[in-house]
């Protein structure tokens, strides 16, 4: 539940920040008449991910076991890919997100402002689709329990409340640190989801290596125990993974983790380098 709560909180806060920026800019430029279009677009962005989540939840019923495993494993890998892209995208565009959205709003406001519907639906819907896929993958990995989904919903509601407080000026948070550390956590969670997806494909016979377990510590940490359930819910812990699952888990953490910290380090050093390279202000002379 904690993992999905943080997923919902992060993704919800990203979407809420986008909506807050759009609303504030539209009000600033005096186009309150298109706010209705904006909220209509946000509504579309909410309905589409819910529909995708419902389709993924109830659609596979009636399929053969192999088909369900193929669908589940493939979508888990797709979800990991989307979340990984989102993590790096946010790190790359966080500093220019506001100006980028302002430019897009200026283009969307031409004429009657119907472009605002598309802008809001795409900007917010992207976060919603990523969230629905990733939450579905984590829910499937813990046996279909609804508790992780409740955690994601609570995270989204928390994000909405935080954004309202930020918009009203009641609270300030360091969004840079928030997205940095939640990004680290999501990488760990995504590694577990990736390993789970590979395991599904192995059980379906698409990928070889099923039954070749690297180790089995289920006697020490049973999946049915409370601490096993907690670990499974947070990081998709598997007490008896296959060698391929262990391999992809380690490879994902090593590659993605290294690239992520390298991006974060360059983002931190870039402003300092730019400030050092800036010409110093001329000192006033005695004549002046």
Protein backbone atom coordinates (compact mmCIF):
# COMPACT_ATOMS: atom_id res chain seq x y z
CA UNK A 1 0.00 0.00 0.00
CA UNK A 2 2.86 2.42 0.81
CA UNK A 3 4.41 1.95 -2.63
CA UNK A 4 1.14 2.70 -4.41
CA UNK A 5 0.43 5.61 -2.07
CA UNK A 6 3.73 7.21 -3.07
CA UNK A 7 3.04 6.41 -6.73
CA UNK A 8 -0.36 8.09 -6.49
CA UNK A 9 1.13 11.00 -4.53
CA UNK A 10 3.93 11.64 -7.01
CA UNK A 11 1.89 11.18 -10.18
CA UNK A 12 -1.06 13.05 -8.68
CA UNK A 13 1.14 15.95 -7.64
CA UNK A 14 2.66 16.15 -11.12
CA UNK A 15 -0.80 16.29 -12.68
CA UNK A 16 -2.06 18.74 -10.03
CA UNK A 17 0.93 21.03 -10.61
CA UNK A 18 0.21 21.03 -14.35
CA UNK A 19 -3.43 21.94 -13.72
CA UNK A 20 -2.42 24.64 -11.22
CA UNK A 21 0.01 26.20 -13.71
CA UNK A 22 -2.62 26.15 -16.47
CA UNK A 23 -5.33 27.68 -14.27
CA UNK A 24 -3.05 30.39 -12.89
CA UNK A 25 -1.82 31.41 -16.35
CA UNK A 26 -5.28 31.43 -17.91
CA UNK A 27 -6.53 33.66 -15.09
CA UNK A 28 -3.45 35.88 -15.43
CA UNK A 29 -4.02 36.52 -19.14
CA UNK A 30 -7.70 37.28 -18.52
CA UNK A 31 -9.23 34.28 -20.31
CA UNK A 32 -11.48 32.94 -17.56
CA UNK A 33 -13.98 32.13 -20.29
CA UNK A 34 -11.92 29.05 -21.29
CA UNK A 35 -11.62 27.63 -17.76
CA UNK A 36 -14.68 25.49 -18.52
CA UNK A 37 -12.80 23.99 -21.47
CA UNK A 38 -9.83 23.33 -19.21
CA UNK A 39 -11.89 21.42 -16.66
CA UNK A 40 -13.60 19.48 -19.46
CA UNK A 41 -10.17 18.38 -20.68
CA UNK A 42 -9.17 17.41 -17.13
CA UNK A 43 -12.38 15.35 -16.90
CA UNK A 44 -11.42 13.46 -20.06
CA UNK A 45 -7.96 12.90 -18.60
CA UNK A 46 -9.54 11.30 -15.52
CA UNK A 47 -12.09 9.11 -17.32
CA UNK A 48 -9.64 7.58 -19.83
CA UNK A 49 -7.22 6.11 -17.21
CA UNK A 50 -10.17 4.79 -15.20
CA UNK A 51 -11.44 3.05 -18.31
CA UNK A 52 -8.01 1.58 -18.99
CA UNK A 53 -7.78 0.35 -15.39
CA UNK A 54 -11.22 -1.28 -15.63
CA UNK A 55 -10.33 -2.92 -18.95
CA UNK A 56 -7.08 -4.31 -17.54
CA UNK A 57 -8.81 -5.55 -14.40
CA UNK A 58 -11.79 -7.34 -15.93
CA UNK A 59 -10.76 -7.76 -19.56
CA UNK A 60 -8.46 -10.81 -19.19
CA UNK A 61 -11.24 -12.94 -17.62
CA UNK A 62 -12.10 -15.77 -19.96
CA UNK A 63 -8.58 -15.97 -21.40
CA UNK A 64 -6.45 -19.06 -20.97
CA UNK A 65 -3.84 -19.07 -18.21
CA UNK A 66 -1.01 -18.64 -20.72
CA UNK A 67 -2.77 -15.71 -22.39
CA UNK A 68 -3.37 -14.00 -19.04
CA UNK A 69 0.28 -14.41 -18.11
CA UNK A 70 1.42 -13.02 -21.47
CA UNK A 71 -0.88 -10.00 -21.17
CA UNK A 72 0.06 -9.42 -17.53
CA UNK A 73 3.80 -9.80 -18.11
CA UNK A 74 3.83 -7.64 -21.24
CA UNK A 75 1.83 -4.83 -19.64
CA UNK A 76 4.02 -4.93 -16.53
CA UNK A 77 7.07 -4.36 -18.72
CA UNK A 78 5.27 -1.57 -20.61
CA UNK A 79 4.32 0.05 -17.28
CA UNK A 80 7.95 -0.06 -16.14
CA UNK A 81 9.03 1.54 -19.41
CA UNK A 82 6.49 4.37 -19.05
CA UNK A 83 7.36 5.06 -15.42
CA UNK A 84 11.09 5.02 -16.20
CA UNK A 85 10.54 7.49 -19.02
CA UNK A 86 8.41 9.66 -16.70
CA UNK A 87 11.12 9.75 -14.02
CA UNK A 88 13.79 10.95 -16.46
CA UNK A 89 11.38 13.29 -18.26
CA UNK A 90 10.48 15.03 -15.02
CA UNK A 91 14.12 15.38 -14.06
CA UNK A 92 14.95 16.86 -17.46
CA UNK A 93 12.02 19.27 -17.85
CA UNK A 94 11.16 20.24 -14.25
CA UNK A 95 13.00 23.57 -14.50
CA UNK A 96 11.26 24.57 -17.76
CA UNK A 97 7.85 22.98 -17.18
CA UNK A 98 6.15 26.25 -16.32
CA UNK A 99 7.45 28.20 -19.32
CA UNK A 100 6.73 25.27 -21.65
CA UNK A 101 3.11 25.08 -20.50
CA UNK A 102 2.72 28.85 -20.84
CA UNK A 103 3.88 28.66 -24.46
CA UNK A 104 1.45 25.84 -25.20
CA UNK A 105 -1.40 27.74 -23.55
CA UNK A 106 -0.70 30.78 -25.73
CA UNK A 107 -1.10 28.59 -28.81
CA UNK A 108 -4.19 26.82 -27.45
CA UNK A 109 -5.92 30.12 -26.60
CA UNK A 110 -6.12 31.18 -30.24
CA UNK A 111 -9.71 31.57 -31.39
CA UNK A 112 -12.37 30.21 -29.04
CA UNK A 113 -9.80 28.39 -26.92
CA UNK A 114 -10.96 24.87 -27.74
CA UNK A 115 -7.32 23.80 -27.90
CA UNK A 116 -7.27 24.06 -24.11
CA UNK A 117 -9.35 20.88 -23.96
CA UNK A 118 -6.73 18.94 -25.90
CA UNK A 119 -3.86 20.52 -23.94
CA UNK A 120 -5.40 19.65 -20.57
CA UNK A 121 -6.44 16.15 -21.65
CA UNK A 122 -2.98 15.30 -22.99
CA UNK A 123 -0.93 16.97 -20.23
CA UNK A 124 -2.93 15.45 -17.36
CA UNK A 125 -4.02 12.25 -19.10
CA UNK A 126 -0.43 11.18 -19.66
CA UNK A 127 0.14 11.09 -15.91
CA UNK A 128 -3.15 9.26 -15.38
CA UNK A 129 -2.40 6.54 -17.94
CA UNK A 130 1.06 5.97 -16.47
CA UNK A 131 -0.45 5.73 -13.00
CA UNK A 132 -3.22 3.31 -14.01
CA UNK A 133 -0.78 0.97 -15.77
CA UNK A 134 1.81 0.99 -12.99
CA UNK A 135 -0.73 0.62 -10.18
CA UNK A 136 -2.42 -2.22 -12.07
CA UNK A 137 0.96 -3.94 -12.45
CA UNK A 138 1.75 -3.63 -8.73
CA UNK A 139 -1.74 -4.79 -7.76
CA UNK A 140 -1.41 -7.83 -10.04
CA UNK A 141 1.98 -8.66 -8.51
CA UNK A 142 0.46 -8.99 -5.02
CA UNK A 143 -2.39 -11.27 -6.07
CA UNK A 144 -5.07 -8.76 -7.05
CA UNK A 145 -5.66 -7.25 -3.60
CA UNK A 146 -7.57 -3.95 -3.68
CA UNK A 147 -5.51 -2.50 -0.81
CA UNK A 148 -2.71 -1.22 -3.12
CA UNK A 149 -5.32 0.50 -5.31
CA UNK A 150 -6.77 2.19 -2.23
CA UNK A 151 -3.27 3.38 -1.35
CA UNK A 152 -2.88 4.92 -4.82
CA UNK A 153 -6.25 6.68 -4.50
CA UNK A 154 -5.28 8.10 -1.11
CA UNK A 155 -2.01 9.31 -2.61
CA UNK A 156 -3.83 11.10 -5.43
CA UNK A 157 -6.26 12.74 -2.98
CA UNK A 158 -3.31 13.86 -0.83
CA UNK A 159 -1.67 15.36 -3.92
CA UNK A 160 -4.83 17.32 -4.75
CA UNK A 161 -4.99 18.74 -1.21
CA UNK A 162 -1.28 19.68 -1.30
CA UNK A 163 -1.70 21.43 -4.66
CA UNK A 164 -4.67 23.42 -3.34
CA UNK A 165 -2.58 24.55 -0.38
CA UNK A 166 0.32 25.45 -2.69
CA UNK A 167 -1.98 27.35 -5.07
CA UNK A 168 -3.49 29.29 -2.16
CA UNK A 169 -0.06 30.01 -0.72
CA UNK A 170 -0.73 28.13 2.52
CA UNK A 171 2.22 25.74 2.21
CA UNK A 172 5.54 25.44 0.44
CA UNK A 173 7.45 22.25 -0.19
CA UNK A 174 10.78 21.55 -1.87
CA UNK A 175 9.44 19.93 -5.01
CA UNK A 176 12.95 19.25 -6.30
CA UNK A 177 13.85 17.05 -3.33
CA UNK A 178 10.39 15.47 -3.32
CA UNK A 179 10.62 14.33 -6.94
CA UNK A 180 14.26 13.27 -6.51
CA UNK A 181 13.66 10.92 -3.59
CA UNK A 182 10.35 9.57 -4.85
CA UNK A 183 12.14 8.92 -8.14
CA UNK A 184 14.67 6.74 -6.29
CA UNK A 185 11.85 4.83 -4.61
CA UNK A 186 9.98 4.35 -7.89
CA UNK A 187 13.11 2.91 -9.51
CA UNK A 188 13.27 0.26 -6.78
CA UNK A 189 9.55 -0.50 -7.16
CA UNK A 190 9.85 -0.60 -10.96
CA UNK A 191 12.70 -3.13 -10.71
CA UNK A 192 10.39 -5.44 -8.76
CA UNK A 193 7.54 -4.98 -11.25
CA UNK A 194 9.92 -5.73 -14.13
CA UNK A 195 11.06 -8.94 -12.44
CA UNK A 196 7.42 -9.88 -11.84
CA UNK A 197 6.57 -9.28 -15.51
CA UNK A 198 9.46 -11.46 -16.64
CA UNK A 199 8.24 -14.17 -14.26
CA UNK A 200 4.79 -14.04 -15.86
CA UNK A 201 6.30 -14.48 -19.33
CA UNK A 202 8.35 -17.41 -18.04
CA UNK A 203 5.24 -19.09 -16.65
CA UNK A 204 3.54 -18.63 -20.03
CA UNK A 205 6.48 -20.30 -21.75
CA UNK A 206 7.36 -17.21 -23.81
CA UNK A 207 10.66 -16.71 -21.98
CA UNK A 208 12.78 -19.71 -20.90
CA UNK A 209 14.02 -20.37 -17.38
CA UNK A 210 10.79 -21.08 -15.49
CA UNK A 211 11.38 -23.17 -12.38
CA UNK A 212 15.12 -22.46 -12.25
CA UNK A 213 15.15 -20.58 -8.97
CA UNK A 214 18.22 -18.63 -7.96
CA UNK A 215 17.38 -19.15 -4.29
CA UNK A 216 14.42 -19.90 -2.04
CA UNK A 217 14.10 -18.11 1.31
CA UNK A 218 10.37 -18.67 1.70
CA UNK A 219 11.09 -20.62 4.90
CA UNK A 220 12.74 -17.51 6.37
CA UNK A 221 10.40 -14.90 4.88
CA UNK A 222 7.11 -16.59 3.98
CA UNK A 223 4.95 -14.72 1.48
CA UNK A 224 1.95 -15.27 3.75
CA UNK A 225 3.61 -13.63 6.77
CA UNK A 226 2.86 -10.03 7.62
CA UNK A 227 6.44 -8.92 6.95
CA UNK A 228 6.52 -10.87 3.69
CA UNK A 229 3.27 -9.19 2.66
CA UNK A 230 4.68 -5.77 3.56
CA UNK A 231 7.86 -6.36 1.54
CA UNK A 232 5.83 -7.68 -1.37
CA UNK A 233 3.53 -4.66 -1.29
CA UNK A 234 6.38 -2.14 -1.09
CA UNK A 235 9.12 -3.53 -3.35
CA UNK A 236 7.45 -6.59 -4.98
CA UNK A 237 9.59 -8.95 -2.90
CA UNK A 238 9.78 -12.51 -4.22
CA UNK A 239 11.25 -15.16 -1.88
CA UNK A 240 12.02 -17.60 -4.72
CA UNK A 241 12.85 -15.73 -7.97
CA UNK A 242 14.32 -17.34 -11.05
CA UNK A 243 17.83 -16.57 -12.21
CA UNK A 244 16.48 -14.40 -15.03
CA UNK A 245 14.30 -12.40 -12.62
CA UNK A 246 17.31 -11.73 -10.40
CA UNK A 247 19.35 -10.77 -13.45
CA UNK A 248 16.86 -8.24 -14.82
CA UNK A 249 16.26 -6.83 -11.33
CA UNK A 250 19.97 -6.22 -10.76
CA UNK A 251 20.54 -4.94 -14.31
CA UNK A 252 17.63 -2.50 -14.11
CA UNK A 253 18.76 -1.07 -10.77
CA UNK A 254 22.36 -0.79 -11.95
CA UNK A 255 21.65 0.85 -15.31
CA UNK A 256 18.66 3.04 -14.45
CA UNK A 257 20.00 3.95 -11.01
CA UNK A 258 23.35 5.04 -12.45
CA UNK A 259 21.72 7.13 -15.21
CA UNK A 260 19.30 8.68 -12.73
CA UNK A 261 21.96 9.80 -10.27
CA UNK A 262 24.10 11.05 -13.15
CA UNK A 263 21.18 13.15 -14.40
CA UNK A 264 20.51 14.45 -10.89
CA UNK A 265 24.18 15.34 -10.38
CA UNK A 266 24.35 17.23 -13.68
CA UNK A 267 21.12 19.08 -12.84
CA UNK A 268 22.61 20.20 -9.53
CA UNK A 269 25.99 21.26 -10.93
CA UNK A 270 24.60 23.02 -14.02
CA UNK A 271 23.23 26.12 -12.21
CA UNK A 272 26.45 26.47 -10.21
CA UNK A 273 28.52 26.24 -13.40
CA UNK A 274 26.34 28.80 -15.16
CA UNK A 275 26.62 31.16 -12.21
CA UNK A 276 30.40 30.82 -12.12
CA UNK A 277 30.65 31.45 -15.87
CA UNK A 278 28.50 34.60 -15.71
CA UNK A 279 30.52 37.84 -16.09
CA UNK A 280 31.01 39.75 -12.90
CA UNK A 281 29.24 43.07 -12.54
CA UNK A 282 31.58 46.05 -13.14
CA UNK A 283 32.78 47.81 -10.04
CA UNK A 284 31.85 51.48 -9.78
CA UNK A 285 34.76 53.87 -10.44
CA UNK A 286 35.65 56.84 -8.34
CA UNK A 287 34.31 59.17 -11.02
CA UNK A 288 30.90 57.55 -10.93
